[in-house]
Amino acid sequence: MCRRFMSKAAKLPMSIIIVGVGQAEFDAMVELDGDDIRISSRGKLAERDIVQFVPFRDYMDRTGNHVLSMARLVKDVLAEIPDQLISYMKSRAIKPNPVPPPYSPVDQPQTNPV
């Protein structure tokens, strides 16, 4: 069921982030991640990779620097999202809007203090 859901979800503008907690083996989650092999359901390949899986235990800093550990976790968890968004946009021939001109504040009239 999970594969079928993720295969259908790959048609939508979404990403799925899974963080594995604990000492369990996460072979099934690594497979869902789809970095090496795209997931399939009922013989049909998912349209694109939308899953990012990371095991939390890989980010536990032995020196006790939890801020650094969490920064690394966040970096890796979010790493694939830009490419996933671009792959969705390309698959639907969606082109981004032009970049707007830089913001410049309008000159405010000077007021005379009393």
C-alpha atoms as a PDB file:
ATOM      1  CA  MET A   1       0.000   0.000   0.000  1.00  0.00           C
ATOM      2  CA  CYS A   2       2.814   2.397   0.874  1.00  0.00           C
ATOM      3  CA  ARG A   3       4.441   1.909  -2.522  1.00  0.00           C
ATOM      4  CA  ARG A   4       1.137   2.477  -4.306  1.00  0.00           C
ATOM      5  CA  PHE A   5       0.523   5.682  -2.334  1.00  0.00           C
ATOM      6  CA  MET A   6       4.022   7.018  -3.046  1.00  0.00           C
ATOM      7  CA  SER A   7       3.789   6.088  -6.699  1.00  0.00           C
ATOM      8  CA  LYS A   8       0.525   8.057  -6.981  1.00  0.00           C
ATOM      9  CA  ALA A   9       1.929  10.917  -4.883  1.00  0.00           C
ATOM     10  CA  ALA A  10       4.834  11.270  -7.339  1.00  0.00           C
ATOM     11  CA  LYS A  11       2.334  12.875  -9.724  1.00  0.00           C
ATOM     12  CA  LEU A  12       1.665  15.654  -7.208  1.00  0.00           C
ATOM     13  CA  PRO A  13       3.737  18.728  -6.258  1.00  0.00           C
ATOM     14  CA  MET A  14       4.954  17.217  -3.006  1.00  0.00           C
ATOM     15  CA  SER A  15       7.962  15.731  -1.271  1.00  0.00           C
ATOM     16  CA  ILE A  16       7.968  13.117   1.479  1.00  0.00           C
ATOM     17  CA  ILE A  17      10.600  13.280   4.203  1.00  0.00           C
ATOM     18  CA  ILE A  18      11.133  10.266   6.462  1.00  0.00           C
ATOM     19  CA  VAL A  19      13.469  10.324   9.463  1.00  0.00           C
ATOM     20  CA  GLY A  20      14.164   6.874  10.882  1.00  0.00           C
ATOM     21  CA  VAL A  21      14.407   6.859  14.677  1.00  0.00           C
ATOM     22  CA  GLY A  22      15.893   4.010  16.707  1.00  0.00           C
ATOM     23  CA  GLN A  23      18.213   1.100  16.059  1.00  0.00           C
ATOM     24  CA  ALA A  24      15.975  -0.819  13.641  1.00  0.00           C
ATOM     25  CA  GLU A  25      17.089  -1.811  10.168  1.00  0.00           C
ATOM     26  CA  PHE A  26      15.691   0.650   7.660  1.00  0.00           C
ATOM     27  CA  ASP A  27      16.178  -1.346   4.453  1.00  0.00           C
ATOM     28  CA  ALA A  28      12.559  -0.799   3.382  1.00  0.00           C
ATOM     29  CA  MET A  29      12.874   2.958   3.954  1.00  0.00           C
ATOM     30  CA  VAL A  30      16.093   3.125   1.966  1.00  0.00           C
ATOM     31  CA  GLU A  31      14.263   1.347  -0.856  1.00  0.00           C
ATOM     32  CA  LEU A  32      11.392   3.863  -0.676  1.00  0.00           C
ATOM     33  CA  ASP A  33      13.930   6.695  -0.866  1.00  0.00           C
ATOM     34  CA  GLY A  34      14.426   5.732  -4.495  1.00  0.00           C
ATOM     35  CA  ASP A  35      17.892   7.242  -4.887  1.00  0.00           C
ATOM     36  CA  ASP A  36      19.281   4.081  -6.500  1.00  0.00           C
ATOM     37  CA  ILE A  37      16.125   2.483  -7.897  1.00  0.00           C
ATOM     38  CA  ARG A  38      12.866   4.314  -8.502  1.00  0.00           C
ATOM     39  CA  ILE A  39       9.978   2.773  -6.582  1.00  0.00           C
ATOM     40  CA  SER A  40       7.280   0.917  -8.457  1.00  0.00           C
ATOM     41  CA  SER A  41       3.809  -0.322  -7.696  1.00  0.00           C
ATOM     42  CA  ARG A  42       2.116  -3.108  -9.628  1.00  0.00           C
ATOM     43  CA  GLY A  43       4.863  -3.023 -12.235  1.00  0.00           C
ATOM     44  CA  LYS A  44       4.531   0.720 -12.851  1.00  0.00           C
ATOM     45  CA  LEU A  45       7.461   3.005 -12.012  1.00  0.00           C
ATOM     46  CA  ALA A  46       6.839   6.136  -9.971  1.00  0.00           C
ATOM     47  CA  GLU A  47       6.892   9.232 -12.158  1.00  0.00           C
ATOM     48  CA  ARG A  48       9.710  10.815 -10.122  1.00  0.00           C
ATOM     49  CA  ASP A  49      11.615  10.511  -6.841  1.00  0.00           C
ATOM     50  CA  ILE A  50       9.751  12.363  -4.080  1.00  0.00           C
ATOM     51  CA  VAL A  51      11.069  10.580  -0.970  1.00  0.00           C
ATOM     52  CA  GLN A  52      14.035  11.587   1.166  1.00  0.00           C
ATOM     53  CA  PHE A  53      14.961   9.174   3.976  1.00  0.00           C
ATOM     54  CA  VAL A  54      17.658   9.665   6.592  1.00  0.00           C
ATOM     55  CA  PRO A  55      18.332   7.570   9.704  1.00  0.00           C
ATOM     56  CA  PHE A  56      18.493   9.862  12.740  1.00  0.00           C
ATOM     57  CA  ARG A  57      21.252   7.760  14.352  1.00  0.00           C
ATOM     58  CA  ASP A  58      23.656   8.842  11.600  1.00  0.00           C
ATOM     59  CA  TYR A  59      23.438  12.402  12.940  1.00  0.00           C
ATOM     60  CA  MET A  60      24.118  11.813  16.616  1.00  0.00           C
ATOM     61  CA  ASP A  61      27.345  13.696  17.314  1.00  0.00           C
ATOM     62  CA  ARG A  62      29.594  11.715  19.664  1.00  0.00           C
ATOM     63  CA  THR A  63      31.228  14.928  20.911  1.00  0.00           C
ATOM     64  CA  GLY A  64      27.920  16.285  22.195  1.00  0.00           C
ATOM     65  CA  ASN A  65      27.628  19.104  19.679  1.00  0.00           C
ATOM     66  CA  HIS A  66      23.878  18.769  19.161  1.00  0.00           C
ATOM     67  CA  VAL A  67      23.583  22.044  17.246  1.00  0.00           C
ATOM     68  CA  LEU A  68      26.031  20.794  14.619  1.00  0.00           C
ATOM     69  CA  SER A  69      24.278  17.406  14.509  1.00  0.00           C
ATOM     70  CA  MET A  70      20.890  18.966  13.907  1.00  0.00           C
ATOM     71  CA  ALA A  71      22.300  21.353  11.285  1.00  0.00           C
ATOM     72  CA  ARG A  72      23.715  18.370   9.367  1.00  0.00           C
ATOM     73  CA  LEU A  73      20.399  16.523   9.698  1.00  0.00           C
ATOM     74  CA  VAL A  74      18.413  19.496   8.380  1.00  0.00           C
ATOM     75  CA  LYS A  75      20.855  20.002   5.498  1.00  0.00           C
ATOM     76  CA  ASP A  76      20.607  16.374   4.389  1.00  0.00           C
ATOM     77  CA  VAL A  77      16.843  16.089   4.926  1.00  0.00           C
ATOM     78  CA  LEU A  78      16.173  19.140   2.759  1.00  0.00           C
ATOM     79  CA  ALA A  79      18.914  18.482   0.182  1.00  0.00           C
ATOM     80  CA  GLU A  80      16.744  16.818  -2.469  1.00  0.00           C
ATOM     81  CA  ILE A  81      13.709  19.107  -2.291  1.00  0.00           C
ATOM     82  CA  PRO A  82      14.903  21.698  -4.858  1.00  0.00           C
ATOM     83  CA  ASP A  83      15.576  18.960  -7.441  1.00  0.00           C
ATOM     84  CA  GLN A  84      12.236  17.324  -6.634  1.00  0.00           C
ATOM     85  CA  LEU A  85      10.426  20.616  -7.214  1.00  0.00           C
ATOM     86  CA  ILE A  86      12.263  21.203 -10.488  1.00  0.00           C
ATOM     87  CA  SER A  87      11.491  17.662 -11.679  1.00  0.00           C
ATOM     88  CA  TYR A  88       7.784  18.237 -10.994  1.00  0.00           C
ATOM     89  CA  MET A  89       7.793  21.570 -12.835  1.00  0.00           C
ATOM     90  CA  LYS A  90       9.633  20.102 -15.837  1.00  0.00           C
ATOM     91  CA  SER A  91       7.276  17.108 -15.987  1.00  0.00           C
ATOM     92  CA  ARG A  92       4.337  19.518 -16.242  1.00  0.00           C
ATOM     93  CA  ALA A  93       6.098  22.065 -18.500  1.00  0.00           C
ATOM     94  CA  ILE A  94       5.674  24.724 -15.800  1.00  0.00           C
ATOM     95  CA  LYS A  95       8.003  27.649 -16.309  1.00  0.00           C
ATOM     96  CA  PRO A  96       8.843  29.970 -13.430  1.00  0.00           C
ATOM     97  CA  ASN A  97       7.727  33.581 -13.583  1.00  0.00           C
ATOM     98  CA  PRO A  98      10.410  36.150 -14.438  1.00  0.00           C
ATOM     99  CA  VAL A  99      12.403  37.497 -11.531  1.00  0.00           C
ATOM    100  CA  PRO A 100      10.795  40.714 -10.290  1.00  0.00           C
ATOM    101  CA  PRO A 101      12.890  43.887 -10.255  1.00  0.00           C
ATOM    102  CA  PRO A 102      14.804  44.568  -7.038  1.00  0.00           C
ATOM    103  CA  TYR A 103      12.866  46.344  -4.329  1.00  0.00           C
ATOM    104  CA  SER A 104      13.674  50.006  -3.819  1.00  0.00           C
ATOM    105  CA  PRO A 105      11.846  52.015  -1.179  1.00  0.00           C
ATOM    106  CA  VAL A 106       9.930  55.043  -2.356  1.00  0.00           C
ATOM    107  CA  ASP A 107      11.460  58.286  -1.117  1.00  0.00           C
ATOM    108  CA  GLN A 108       9.498  59.497   1.863  1.00  0.00           C
ATOM    109  CA  PRO A 109       8.908  63.253   2.180  1.00  0.00           C
ATOM    110  CA  GLN A 110      10.872  64.875   4.970  1.00  0.00           C
ATOM    111  CA  THR A 111       8.854  66.109   7.897  1.00  0.00           C
ATOM    112  CA  ASN A 112      10.043  69.035   9.977  1.00  0.00           C
ATOM    113  CA  PRO A 113      10.246  68.259  13.674  1.00  0.00           C
ATOM    114  CA  VAL A 114       8.452  70.779  15.877  1.00  0.00           C
END
